[in-house]
N, C-alpha and C. Protein backbone atom coordinates (compact mmCIF):
# COMPACT_ATOMS: atom_id res chain seq x y z
N MET A 1 59.00 4.50 27.88
CA MET A 1 57.62 3.96 28.06
C MET A 1 57.68 2.56 28.38
N THR A 2 56.97 2.14 29.55
CA THR A 2 56.97 0.72 29.96
C THR A 2 55.75 -0.07 29.30
N THR A 3 55.93 -1.32 29.19
CA THR A 3 54.98 -2.20 28.57
C THR A 3 53.52 -1.83 29.31
N VAL A 4 53.49 -1.64 30.57
CA VAL A 4 52.20 -1.34 31.29
C VAL A 4 51.51 -0.08 30.76
N ASN A 5 52.29 0.84 30.25
CA ASN A 5 51.61 2.10 29.71
C ASN A 5 51.44 2.16 28.29
N LEU A 6 51.64 0.97 27.59
CA LEU A 6 51.37 1.00 26.09
C LEU A 6 49.82 0.69 25.91
N THR A 7 49.32 1.40 24.96
CA THR A 7 47.97 1.18 24.44
C THR A 7 47.92 -0.28 23.78
N ARG A 8 46.56 -0.69 23.56
CA ARG A 8 46.47 -1.91 22.84
C ARG A 8 47.03 -1.77 21.42
N THR A 9 46.82 -0.78 20.79
CA THR A 9 47.45 -0.64 19.40
C THR A 9 48.94 -0.60 19.57
N GLN A 10 49.56 0.00 20.44
CA GLN A 10 50.97 -0.04 20.69
C GLN A 10 51.53 -1.42 20.89
N ARG A 11 50.82 -2.12 21.74
CA ARG A 11 51.20 -3.55 22.08
C ARG A 11 51.30 -4.37 20.84
N ARG A 12 50.22 -4.16 20.05
CA ARG A 12 50.04 -4.99 18.85
C ARG A 12 51.21 -4.74 17.83
N ALA A 13 51.51 -3.45 17.84
CA ALA A 13 52.76 -2.95 16.95
C ALA A 13 53.94 -3.55 17.47
N ALA A 14 54.20 -3.54 18.89
CA ALA A 14 55.48 -4.09 19.40
C ALA A 14 55.50 -5.51 19.17
N ASP A 15 54.29 -6.30 19.34
CA ASP A 15 54.35 -7.82 19.13
C ASP A 15 54.53 -8.14 17.62
N MET A 16 54.16 -7.26 16.75
CA MET A 16 54.28 -7.51 15.32
C MET A 16 55.89 -7.29 15.09
N ARG A 17 56.41 -6.27 15.53
CA ARG A 17 57.91 -6.03 15.41
C ARG A 17 58.75 -7.15 15.88
N GLN A 18 58.35 -7.65 17.03
CA GLN A 18 59.03 -8.77 17.64
C GLN A 18 58.89 -10.06 16.68
N ASN A 19 57.68 -10.18 16.12
CA ASN A 19 57.50 -11.47 15.38
C ASN A 19 58.35 -11.23 14.01
N LEU A 20 58.41 -10.16 13.51
CA LEU A 20 59.18 -9.96 12.31
C LEU A 20 60.68 -10.08 12.51
N VAL A 21 61.17 -9.56 13.63
CA VAL A 21 62.49 -9.75 14.01
C VAL A 21 62.99 -11.29 14.28
N GLU A 22 61.96 -12.00 14.96
CA GLU A 22 62.25 -13.29 15.03
C GLU A 22 62.30 -14.01 13.65
N ILE A 23 61.33 -13.74 12.85
CA ILE A 23 61.36 -14.41 11.57
C ILE A 23 62.74 -14.10 10.68
N ALA A 24 63.17 -12.80 10.98
CA ALA A 24 64.48 -12.50 10.30
C ALA A 24 65.61 -13.24 10.92
N GLU A 25 65.61 -13.46 12.16
CA GLU A 25 66.61 -14.23 12.88
C GLU A 25 66.58 -15.57 12.32
N THR A 26 65.37 -16.17 12.16
CA THR A 26 65.25 -17.66 11.62
C THR A 26 66.00 -17.70 10.22
N LEU A 27 65.76 -16.72 9.52
CA LEU A 27 66.19 -16.71 8.19
C LEU A 27 67.79 -16.60 8.20
N LEU A 28 68.38 -15.81 9.15
CA LEU A 28 69.79 -15.79 9.29
C LEU A 28 70.23 -17.08 9.72
N ILE A 29 69.65 -17.77 10.48
CA ILE A 29 70.08 -19.22 11.07
C ILE A 29 70.10 -20.16 9.74
N GLU A 30 69.00 -19.99 9.12
CA GLU A 30 68.91 -20.85 7.80
C GLU A 30 69.77 -20.64 6.79
N GLY A 31 70.13 -19.42 6.55
CA GLY A 31 71.03 -19.05 5.47
C GLY A 31 71.97 -18.03 5.44
N GLY A 32 72.32 -17.57 6.72
CA GLY A 32 73.16 -16.45 6.78
C GLY A 32 72.77 -15.12 6.48
N MET A 33 73.52 -14.09 6.54
CA MET A 33 73.03 -12.75 6.30
C MET A 33 72.38 -12.55 4.91
N ALA A 34 72.83 -13.40 3.90
CA ALA A 34 72.41 -13.23 2.52
C ALA A 34 70.94 -13.64 2.46
N ALA A 35 70.45 -14.51 3.26
CA ALA A 35 69.09 -14.98 3.30
C ALA A 35 68.08 -13.97 3.93
N VAL A 36 68.61 -13.00 4.63
CA VAL A 36 67.69 -12.14 5.28
C VAL A 36 67.20 -11.05 4.32
N SER A 37 65.89 -10.90 4.12
CA SER A 37 65.41 -9.93 3.22
C SER A 37 64.01 -9.41 3.78
N ALA A 38 63.66 -8.22 3.51
CA ALA A 38 62.32 -7.75 3.86
C ALA A 38 61.21 -8.54 3.16
N ASP A 39 61.54 -8.83 1.94
CA ASP A 39 60.43 -9.54 1.13
C ASP A 39 60.19 -10.93 1.66
N GLU A 40 61.20 -11.69 2.12
CA GLU A 40 60.91 -13.04 2.74
C GLU A 40 60.32 -12.83 4.08
N VAL A 41 60.71 -11.86 4.71
CA VAL A 41 60.19 -11.75 6.23
C VAL A 41 58.60 -11.53 6.01
N ALA A 42 58.35 -10.59 5.13
CA ALA A 42 56.79 -10.39 4.75
C ALA A 42 56.15 -11.51 4.46
N ARG A 43 56.73 -12.28 3.43
CA ARG A 43 56.08 -13.61 2.97
C ARG A 43 55.91 -14.49 4.19
N ARG A 44 56.88 -14.83 4.92
CA ARG A 44 56.74 -15.74 6.07
C ARG A 44 55.64 -15.23 7.16
N ALA A 45 55.68 -13.83 7.33
CA ALA A 45 54.77 -13.38 8.33
C ALA A 45 53.43 -13.23 7.71
N ASP A 46 53.26 -13.43 6.46
CA ASP A 46 51.97 -13.07 5.80
C ASP A 46 51.37 -11.74 6.10
N VAL A 47 52.33 -10.75 5.86
CA VAL A 47 51.90 -9.38 5.89
C VAL A 47 52.34 -8.66 4.68
N SER A 48 52.11 -7.49 4.43
CA SER A 48 52.58 -6.71 3.45
C SER A 48 54.10 -6.31 3.57
N LEU A 49 54.75 -5.99 2.46
CA LEU A 49 56.06 -5.58 2.67
C LEU A 49 56.20 -4.20 3.33
N GLN A 50 55.09 -3.43 3.14
CA GLN A 50 55.09 -2.03 3.80
C GLN A 50 55.09 -2.32 5.35
N THR A 51 54.34 -3.31 5.77
CA THR A 51 54.30 -3.52 7.19
C THR A 51 55.76 -3.82 7.79
N VAL A 52 56.46 -4.64 7.02
CA VAL A 52 57.97 -4.78 7.63
C VAL A 52 58.53 -3.42 7.61
N TYR A 53 58.50 -2.64 6.61
CA TYR A 53 59.23 -1.50 6.43
C TYR A 53 58.68 -0.41 7.57
N ASN A 54 57.46 -0.42 7.92
CA ASN A 54 56.86 0.43 8.85
C ASN A 54 57.35 -0.09 10.28
N ARG A 55 57.22 -1.46 10.52
CA ARG A 55 57.54 -1.87 11.91
C ARG A 55 59.09 -2.05 12.25
N VAL A 56 59.94 -2.31 11.17
CA VAL A 56 61.42 -2.63 11.38
C VAL A 56 62.14 -1.81 10.47
N GLY A 57 61.95 -2.06 9.10
CA GLY A 57 62.70 -1.35 8.00
C GLY A 57 63.22 -2.40 6.96
N GLY A 58 64.18 -2.02 6.27
CA GLY A 58 64.61 -2.88 5.20
C GLY A 58 65.77 -3.79 5.73
N LYS A 59 66.47 -4.51 4.92
CA LYS A 59 67.37 -5.39 5.37
C LYS A 59 68.31 -4.94 6.45
N PRO A 60 69.06 -3.65 6.08
CA PRO A 60 69.94 -3.17 7.13
C PRO A 60 69.26 -2.99 8.52
N ALA A 61 68.11 -2.59 8.55
CA ALA A 61 67.34 -2.35 9.87
C ALA A 61 67.04 -3.74 10.47
N LEU A 62 66.54 -4.81 9.61
CA LEU A 62 66.55 -6.14 10.05
C LEU A 62 67.78 -6.68 10.78
N LEU A 63 68.77 -6.55 10.07
CA LEU A 63 70.10 -7.03 10.64
C LEU A 63 70.48 -6.26 12.02
N ILE A 64 70.26 -5.03 12.10
CA ILE A 64 70.47 -4.33 13.18
C ILE A 64 69.57 -4.91 14.43
N ALA A 65 68.31 -5.08 14.13
CA ALA A 65 67.55 -5.71 15.21
C ALA A 65 67.98 -7.06 15.59
N ILE A 66 68.48 -7.85 14.60
CA ILE A 66 68.90 -9.15 14.98
C ILE A 66 70.28 -8.97 15.86
N ALA A 67 71.01 -7.95 15.46
CA ALA A 67 72.37 -7.73 16.23
C ALA A 67 71.92 -7.38 17.75
N GLU A 68 70.84 -6.63 17.82
CA GLU A 68 70.42 -6.18 19.16
C GLU A 68 70.04 -7.44 19.97
N ARG A 69 69.16 -8.31 19.57
CA ARG A 69 68.82 -9.43 20.15
C ARG A 69 70.06 -10.40 20.49
N SER A 70 70.99 -10.32 19.51
CA SER A 70 72.22 -11.14 19.79
C SER A 70 73.15 -10.65 20.91
N MET A 71 73.19 -9.35 21.06
CA MET A 71 73.86 -8.64 22.21
C MET A 71 73.27 -9.10 23.56
N GLU A 72 71.90 -9.03 23.48
CA GLU A 72 71.25 -9.54 24.66
C GLU A 72 71.51 -10.98 25.04
N GLU A 73 71.57 -11.72 23.99
CA GLU A 73 72.01 -13.21 24.27
C GLU A 73 73.36 -13.35 24.75
N ASN A 74 74.26 -12.63 24.14
CA ASN A 74 75.75 -12.63 24.46
C ASN A 74 75.80 -12.17 26.00
N ARG A 75 75.10 -11.13 26.39
CA ARG A 75 75.12 -10.78 27.77
C ARG A 75 74.70 -11.86 28.65
N ALA A 76 73.62 -12.51 28.29
CA ALA A 76 73.12 -13.64 29.24
C ALA A 76 74.24 -14.67 29.35
N TYR A 77 75.14 -14.77 28.46
CA TYR A 77 76.22 -15.75 28.72
C TYR A 77 77.40 -15.45 29.49
N VAL A 78 77.80 -14.19 29.32
CA VAL A 78 79.12 -13.53 29.73
C VAL A 78 78.82 -12.85 30.95
N ASP A 79 77.69 -12.23 31.37
CA ASP A 79 77.39 -11.44 32.59
C ASP A 79 77.73 -12.26 33.88
N LYS A 80 77.19 -13.47 33.72
CA LYS A 80 77.29 -14.24 35.04
C LYS A 80 78.81 -14.54 35.20
N ALA A 81 79.54 -14.70 34.07
CA ALA A 81 81.07 -15.02 34.32
C ALA A 81 81.67 -13.66 34.90
N TYR A 82 81.38 -12.61 34.42
CA TYR A 82 81.97 -11.30 34.95
C TYR A 82 81.45 -11.03 36.52
N ASP A 83 80.34 -11.39 36.77
CA ASP A 83 79.94 -11.08 38.15
C ASP A 83 80.46 -12.20 39.25
N GLY A 84 80.95 -13.25 38.72
CA GLY A 84 81.27 -14.33 39.61
C GLY A 84 82.51 -14.11 40.37
N LYS A 85 82.79 -14.81 41.57
CA LYS A 85 83.89 -14.63 42.30
C LYS A 85 85.06 -15.55 41.89
N GLY A 86 86.20 -15.33 42.62
CA GLY A 86 87.36 -16.29 42.28
C GLY A 86 88.57 -15.45 41.92
N THR A 87 89.68 -16.24 41.63
CA THR A 87 90.88 -15.52 41.32
C THR A 87 90.82 -14.90 39.96
N PRO A 88 91.73 -13.94 39.72
CA PRO A 88 91.68 -13.40 38.36
C PRO A 88 91.65 -14.61 37.15
N GLU A 89 92.51 -15.57 37.44
CA GLU A 89 92.66 -16.60 36.48
C GLU A 89 91.42 -17.31 36.32
N GLU A 90 90.63 -17.59 37.45
CA GLU A 90 89.40 -18.39 37.42
C GLU A 90 88.25 -17.60 36.73
N ARG A 91 88.35 -16.30 37.00
CA ARG A 91 87.42 -15.30 36.50
C ARG A 91 87.52 -15.18 34.76
N GLY A 92 88.83 -15.12 34.37
CA GLY A 92 89.20 -15.02 33.11
C GLY A 92 88.75 -16.24 32.31
N LEU A 93 89.11 -17.38 32.94
CA LEU A 93 88.79 -18.68 32.34
C LEU A 93 87.18 -18.83 32.13
N ARG A 94 86.34 -18.39 33.13
CA ARG A 94 84.93 -18.49 32.98
C ARG A 94 84.49 -17.61 31.89
N ILE A 95 85.01 -16.41 31.71
CA ILE A 95 84.69 -15.42 30.59
C ILE A 95 84.97 -15.98 29.20
N PHE A 96 86.17 -16.66 29.26
CA PHE A 96 86.62 -17.37 27.91
C PHE A 96 85.55 -18.41 27.63
N ASN A 97 85.39 -19.28 28.50
CA ASN A 97 84.49 -20.40 28.32
C ASN A 97 82.94 -19.92 27.99
N ALA A 98 82.57 -18.94 28.65
CA ALA A 98 81.15 -18.37 28.36
C ALA A 98 81.20 -17.85 26.98
N TYR A 99 82.15 -17.20 26.39
CA TYR A 99 82.17 -16.67 25.20
C TYR A 99 82.25 -17.68 24.05
N VAL A 100 83.07 -18.75 24.39
CA VAL A 100 83.13 -19.97 23.45
C VAL A 100 81.68 -20.58 23.27
N SER A 101 81.18 -20.72 24.61
CA SER A 101 79.87 -21.42 24.49
C SER A 101 78.81 -20.61 23.63
N PHE A 102 78.88 -19.31 23.89
CA PHE A 102 77.87 -18.39 23.11
C PHE A 102 78.18 -18.63 21.55
N ALA A 103 79.48 -18.64 21.17
CA ALA A 103 79.75 -18.64 19.73
C ALA A 103 79.38 -20.20 19.28
N MET A 104 79.69 -21.21 19.99
CA MET A 104 79.35 -22.59 19.58
C MET A 104 77.86 -22.85 19.50
N GLU A 105 77.12 -22.28 20.50
CA GLU A 105 75.61 -22.53 20.59
C GLU A 105 74.80 -21.63 19.89
N ARG A 106 75.33 -20.43 19.58
CA ARG A 106 74.62 -19.45 18.88
C ARG A 106 75.57 -18.83 17.72
N PRO A 107 75.99 -19.77 16.84
CA PRO A 107 76.91 -19.30 15.67
C PRO A 107 76.63 -18.19 14.86
N HIS A 108 75.37 -18.11 14.49
CA HIS A 108 75.04 -17.11 13.61
C HIS A 108 74.89 -15.81 14.22
N GLN A 109 74.37 -15.77 15.49
CA GLN A 109 74.27 -14.53 16.45
C GLN A 109 75.82 -14.16 16.48
N PHE A 110 76.72 -15.06 16.89
CA PHE A 110 78.18 -14.61 17.17
C PHE A 110 78.67 -14.07 15.89
N ARG A 111 78.44 -14.57 14.77
CA ARG A 111 79.00 -13.98 13.42
C ARG A 111 78.50 -12.58 13.31
N ILE A 112 77.20 -12.25 13.55
CA ILE A 112 76.73 -11.02 13.33
C ILE A 112 77.39 -9.88 14.17
N LEU A 113 77.90 -10.32 15.47
CA LEU A 113 78.50 -9.58 16.38
C LEU A 113 79.94 -9.26 16.06
N ALA A 114 80.70 -10.47 15.55
CA ALA A 114 82.05 -10.39 15.24
C ALA A 114 82.20 -9.74 13.81
N ASN A 115 81.23 -9.76 12.94
CA ASN A 115 81.22 -9.17 11.70
C ASN A 115 79.96 -8.36 11.34
N PRO A 116 79.72 -7.33 12.02
CA PRO A 116 78.36 -6.58 12.06
C PRO A 116 78.06 -6.07 10.66
N PRO A 117 76.83 -5.79 10.46
CA PRO A 117 76.38 -5.05 9.31
C PRO A 117 77.17 -3.86 8.94
N GLU A 118 77.60 -3.50 7.72
CA GLU A 118 78.24 -2.14 7.38
C GLU A 118 77.26 -1.03 7.56
N ASP A 119 76.76 -0.80 8.85
CA ASP A 119 75.83 0.30 9.11
C ASP A 119 76.47 0.93 10.31
N PRO A 120 76.50 2.31 10.28
CA PRO A 120 77.10 3.02 11.38
C PRO A 120 76.44 2.94 12.60
N GLU A 121 75.01 2.66 12.75
CA GLU A 121 74.31 2.48 13.87
C GLU A 121 74.62 1.12 14.44
N ALA A 122 74.66 0.14 13.60
CA ALA A 122 74.91 -1.17 14.18
C ALA A 122 76.32 -1.41 14.72
N ILE A 123 77.36 -0.72 14.02
CA ILE A 123 78.64 -0.89 14.45
C ILE A 123 78.77 -0.07 15.66
N SER A 124 78.15 1.09 15.99
CA SER A 124 78.24 1.90 17.07
C SER A 124 77.64 1.06 18.21
N ARG A 125 76.44 0.44 18.13
CA ARG A 125 75.90 -0.42 19.25
C ARG A 125 76.77 -1.45 19.61
N ILE A 126 77.26 -2.28 18.58
CA ILE A 126 77.92 -3.44 19.02
C ILE A 126 79.38 -3.04 19.39
N GLY A 127 79.95 -2.01 18.99
CA GLY A 127 81.18 -1.50 19.61
C GLY A 127 81.18 -1.00 20.98
N ALA A 128 79.83 -0.46 21.33
CA ALA A 128 79.70 -0.05 22.81
C ALA A 128 79.64 -1.29 23.73
N MET A 129 79.05 -2.39 23.20
CA MET A 129 78.96 -3.53 24.00
C MET A 129 80.32 -4.21 24.18
N ALA A 130 81.08 -4.12 23.02
CA ALA A 130 82.37 -4.74 22.96
C ALA A 130 83.32 -3.97 23.95
N ARG A 131 83.26 -2.66 23.93
CA ARG A 131 84.07 -1.86 24.92
C ARG A 131 83.71 -2.13 26.36
N GLU A 132 82.51 -2.37 26.60
CA GLU A 132 82.07 -2.59 28.02
C GLU A 132 82.69 -3.96 28.32
N GLN A 133 82.70 -4.99 27.49
CA GLN A 133 83.17 -6.22 27.90
C GLN A 133 84.72 -6.19 27.96
N ILE A 134 85.26 -5.44 27.08
CA ILE A 134 86.78 -5.24 27.06
C ILE A 134 87.23 -4.55 28.35
N ALA A 135 86.40 -3.58 28.89
CA ALA A 135 86.69 -2.92 30.12
C ALA A 135 86.76 -3.91 31.35
N HIS A 136 85.69 -4.87 31.25
CA HIS A 136 85.78 -5.89 32.39
C HIS A 136 86.98 -6.71 32.32
N MET A 137 87.27 -7.24 31.07
CA MET A 137 88.51 -7.97 30.95
C MET A 137 89.79 -7.26 31.27
N ALA A 138 89.90 -5.94 30.92
CA ALA A 138 91.00 -5.27 31.51
C ALA A 138 91.19 -5.10 32.98
N ALA A 139 90.01 -4.96 33.63
CA ALA A 139 89.89 -4.88 35.07
C ALA A 139 90.39 -6.21 35.75
N ILE A 140 90.02 -7.46 35.12
CA ILE A 140 90.52 -8.62 35.61
C ILE A 140 92.08 -8.77 35.29
N ILE A 141 92.67 -8.32 34.21
CA ILE A 141 93.97 -8.20 34.01
C ILE A 141 94.72 -7.34 35.07
N ARG A 142 94.19 -6.24 35.46
CA ARG A 142 94.87 -5.38 36.52
C ARG A 142 94.77 -6.11 37.85
N ASP A 143 93.74 -6.88 38.14
CA ASP A 143 93.71 -7.72 39.30
C ASP A 143 94.78 -8.86 39.28
N GLY A 144 94.93 -9.41 38.08
CA GLY A 144 95.96 -10.45 37.86
C GLY A 144 97.23 -9.97 38.19
N ILE A 145 97.57 -8.67 37.63
CA ILE A 145 98.94 -7.98 37.95
C ILE A 145 99.06 -7.73 39.34
N ALA A 146 98.00 -7.29 40.08
CA ALA A 146 98.29 -6.98 41.55
C ALA A 146 98.50 -8.14 42.23
N GLU A 147 98.03 -9.34 41.81
CA GLU A 147 98.08 -10.63 42.46
C GLU A 147 99.35 -11.32 41.90
N GLU A 148 100.20 -10.76 41.13
CA GLU A 148 101.35 -11.35 40.52
C GLU A 148 101.05 -12.62 39.66
N TRP A 149 99.89 -12.85 39.21
CA TRP A 149 99.67 -13.87 38.33
C TRP A 149 100.00 -13.48 36.91
N ILE A 150 99.69 -12.20 36.54
CA ILE A 150 99.94 -11.73 35.24
C ILE A 150 101.21 -10.89 35.11
N ASP A 151 101.90 -10.96 34.01
CA ASP A 151 103.08 -10.37 33.88
C ASP A 151 102.79 -8.61 34.12
N PRO A 152 103.62 -7.94 35.09
CA PRO A 152 103.49 -6.71 35.31
C PRO A 152 103.74 -5.79 34.15
N GLU A 153 104.52 -6.14 33.13
CA GLU A 153 104.85 -5.25 32.10
C GLU A 153 103.84 -5.21 31.02
N ILE A 154 102.75 -6.08 31.19
CA ILE A 154 101.58 -6.06 30.29
C ILE A 154 100.70 -4.80 30.41
N ASP A 155 100.28 -4.17 29.37
CA ASP A 155 99.39 -2.94 29.52
C ASP A 155 97.98 -3.54 29.54
N PRO A 156 97.20 -3.40 30.49
CA PRO A 156 95.81 -4.09 30.62
C PRO A 156 94.87 -3.62 29.46
N ASP A 157 94.86 -2.57 29.17
CA ASP A 157 93.93 -1.96 28.09
C ASP A 157 94.15 -2.58 26.74
N SER A 158 95.45 -2.43 26.24
CA SER A 158 95.76 -2.89 24.99
C SER A 158 95.78 -4.52 24.91
N THR A 159 96.09 -5.09 26.05
CA THR A 159 96.04 -6.54 26.19
C THR A 159 94.65 -7.10 26.10
N ALA A 160 93.73 -6.40 26.79
CA ALA A 160 92.31 -6.70 26.83
C ALA A 160 91.82 -6.70 25.31
N ASN A 161 92.14 -5.59 24.60
CA ASN A 161 91.70 -5.42 23.33
C ASN A 161 92.27 -6.54 22.42
N ALA A 162 93.54 -6.97 22.65
CA ALA A 162 94.24 -7.87 21.78
C ALA A 162 93.48 -9.32 22.05
N VAL A 163 93.22 -9.64 23.35
CA VAL A 163 92.64 -10.94 23.56
C VAL A 163 91.21 -10.98 22.98
N TRP A 164 90.48 -9.97 23.18
CA TRP A 164 89.17 -9.90 22.48
C TRP A 164 89.26 -10.12 21.01
N SER A 165 90.09 -9.54 20.45
CA SER A 165 90.31 -9.67 18.84
C SER A 165 90.64 -11.03 18.57
N MET A 166 91.61 -11.67 19.38
CA MET A 166 92.20 -12.95 18.98
C MET A 166 91.07 -14.06 19.26
N MET A 167 90.16 -13.87 20.40
CA MET A 167 88.98 -14.70 20.56
C MET A 167 88.09 -14.62 19.30
N ASN A 168 87.78 -13.43 18.96
CA ASN A 168 86.88 -13.28 17.77
C ASN A 168 87.36 -14.01 16.49
N GLY A 169 88.73 -13.80 16.27
CA GLY A 169 89.31 -14.35 15.13
C GLY A 169 89.45 -15.94 15.20
N VAL A 170 89.67 -16.36 16.34
CA VAL A 170 89.89 -17.95 16.46
C VAL A 170 88.40 -18.57 16.40
N LEU A 171 87.45 -17.95 17.07
CA LEU A 171 86.17 -18.58 17.08
C LEU A 171 85.43 -18.34 15.71
N THR A 172 85.70 -17.33 14.97
CA THR A 172 85.17 -17.23 13.50
C THR A 172 85.87 -18.32 12.67
N LEU A 173 87.15 -18.56 12.80
CA LEU A 173 87.76 -19.74 12.12
C LEU A 173 87.30 -21.04 12.54
N ALA A 174 86.96 -21.15 13.78
CA ALA A 174 86.55 -22.55 14.32
C ALA A 174 85.15 -22.84 13.90
N LEU A 175 84.37 -21.94 13.59
CA LEU A 175 83.06 -22.08 13.14
C LEU A 175 83.01 -22.31 11.59
N ARG A 176 84.02 -22.21 10.86
CA ARG A 176 84.05 -22.37 9.61
C ARG A 176 83.97 -23.87 9.12
N ASP A 177 83.34 -24.32 8.06
CA ASP A 177 83.28 -25.72 7.54
C ASP A 177 83.84 -25.78 6.20
N ASP A 178 84.76 -24.93 5.90
CA ASP A 178 85.36 -25.08 4.58
C ASP A 178 86.86 -25.21 4.65
N ALA A 179 87.59 -24.88 3.44
CA ALA A 179 88.93 -25.15 3.45
C ALA A 179 89.85 -24.24 4.26
N LEU A 180 89.14 -23.15 4.69
CA LEU A 180 89.95 -22.29 5.54
C LEU A 180 90.29 -22.86 6.87
N ARG A 181 89.57 -23.81 7.43
CA ARG A 181 89.89 -24.55 8.62
C ARG A 181 90.48 -25.87 8.27
N SER A 182 91.60 -26.17 8.72
CA SER A 182 92.16 -27.49 8.54
C SER A 182 91.39 -28.61 9.07
N GLU A 183 91.21 -29.68 8.14
CA GLU A 183 90.41 -30.76 8.60
C GLU A 183 91.08 -31.51 9.67
N SER A 184 92.42 -31.32 9.85
CA SER A 184 92.99 -32.22 10.87
C SER A 184 93.12 -31.61 12.26
N VAL A 185 92.44 -30.34 12.28
CA VAL A 185 92.32 -29.63 13.52
C VAL A 185 90.84 -29.46 13.95
N SER A 186 90.41 -30.01 15.05
CA SER A 186 89.11 -30.10 15.46
C SER A 186 88.88 -28.51 16.06
N ARG A 187 87.54 -28.21 16.19
CA ARG A 187 87.25 -26.85 16.71
C ARG A 187 87.67 -26.95 18.27
N GLU A 188 87.65 -27.91 18.89
CA GLU A 188 87.83 -27.89 20.21
C GLU A 188 89.43 -27.83 20.42
N ALA A 189 90.12 -28.32 19.52
CA ALA A 189 91.60 -28.30 19.67
C ALA A 189 92.09 -26.89 19.23
N LEU A 190 91.53 -26.34 18.41
CA LEU A 190 91.95 -24.87 18.00
C LEU A 190 91.56 -23.93 19.14
N VAL A 191 90.40 -24.22 19.71
CA VAL A 191 90.03 -23.17 20.86
C VAL A 191 90.92 -23.43 22.01
N GLN A 192 91.23 -24.59 22.40
CA GLN A 192 92.06 -25.05 23.57
C GLN A 192 93.56 -24.41 23.26
N SER A 193 93.95 -24.53 22.10
CA SER A 193 95.28 -24.12 21.76
C SER A 193 95.37 -22.56 21.92
N ALA A 194 94.28 -21.86 21.46
CA ALA A 194 94.20 -20.29 21.67
C ALA A 194 94.28 -20.08 23.13
N LEU A 195 93.53 -20.83 23.88
CA LEU A 195 93.40 -20.56 25.33
C LEU A 195 94.81 -20.71 26.00
N THR A 196 95.59 -21.92 25.52
CA THR A 196 96.88 -21.96 26.16
C THR A 196 97.93 -20.87 25.74
N ILE A 197 97.68 -20.40 24.54
CA ILE A 197 98.70 -19.28 23.99
C ILE A 197 98.32 -18.01 24.78
N ILE A 198 97.13 -17.72 25.10
CA ILE A 198 96.69 -16.58 25.92
C ILE A 198 97.08 -16.68 27.27
N GLN A 199 96.92 -17.78 27.93
CA GLN A 199 97.34 -17.92 29.28
C GLN A 199 98.98 -17.92 29.44
N SER A 200 99.59 -18.44 28.43
CA SER A 200 101.06 -18.41 28.61
C SER A 200 101.59 -17.05 28.29
N GLY A 201 100.96 -16.25 27.50
CA GLY A 201 101.33 -14.91 27.12
C GLY A 201 101.02 -14.01 28.35
N LEU A 202 99.91 -14.22 29.10
CA LEU A 202 99.63 -13.38 30.27
C LEU A 202 100.36 -13.68 31.49
N ARG A 203 100.75 -14.97 31.67
CA ARG A 203 101.39 -15.37 33.12
C ARG A 203 102.58 -14.79 33.37
N SER A 204 102.83 -14.36 34.63
CA SER A 204 103.95 -13.68 35.01
C SER A 204 105.22 -14.63 34.90
N ARG A 205 106.23 -13.96 34.50
CA ARG A 205 107.60 -14.77 34.31
C ARG A 205 108.17 -15.26 35.63
N ARG A 206 107.57 -14.84 36.70
CA ARG A 206 107.97 -15.05 38.09
C ARG A 206 107.40 -16.63 38.47
N LEU A 207 106.44 -16.92 37.83
CA LEU A 207 105.63 -18.26 38.25
C LEU A 207 106.47 -19.30 37.63
């Protein structure tokens, strides 16, 4: 059903849902996943708790809705990198930088994708997005092998999955402000070191 075909009542319901999800996302930004609750969303929206449950749902549903918005934001960052021209190395670097930019500029949204709610629906949807992006990465690796930039002994699919996992782990650590991240290592240095290791591991031994 398109927006054009929605009745006035349906449009109001859709607008209310969007407003509630935006409030939930604000709570996430302010205090992380623990701060998101249907009660607080209802209070800030000045609506009844039942309205939140009717339009979105409880905390798990709110987190899923935020995750869906985060997936769209993530796509806005990385899709241009996937669609761009250039050598496999240039395309891979653009994707890496786009994903880093998303994580640094939208840290809470990144975290909910890297560590989604323990809900089968959320994990399924986020997993589908991850598989789509990993498939793009595997295609770039295959192109790199064909152009003799990437080691031909590397398996594209398992390597793409490994790179994706490494990026999530490194960026999750880079975004921490506690004792788990060394004070002597800046976020930028950590991310750059990860990029150097990935590039060195992929590069053909013939080069």
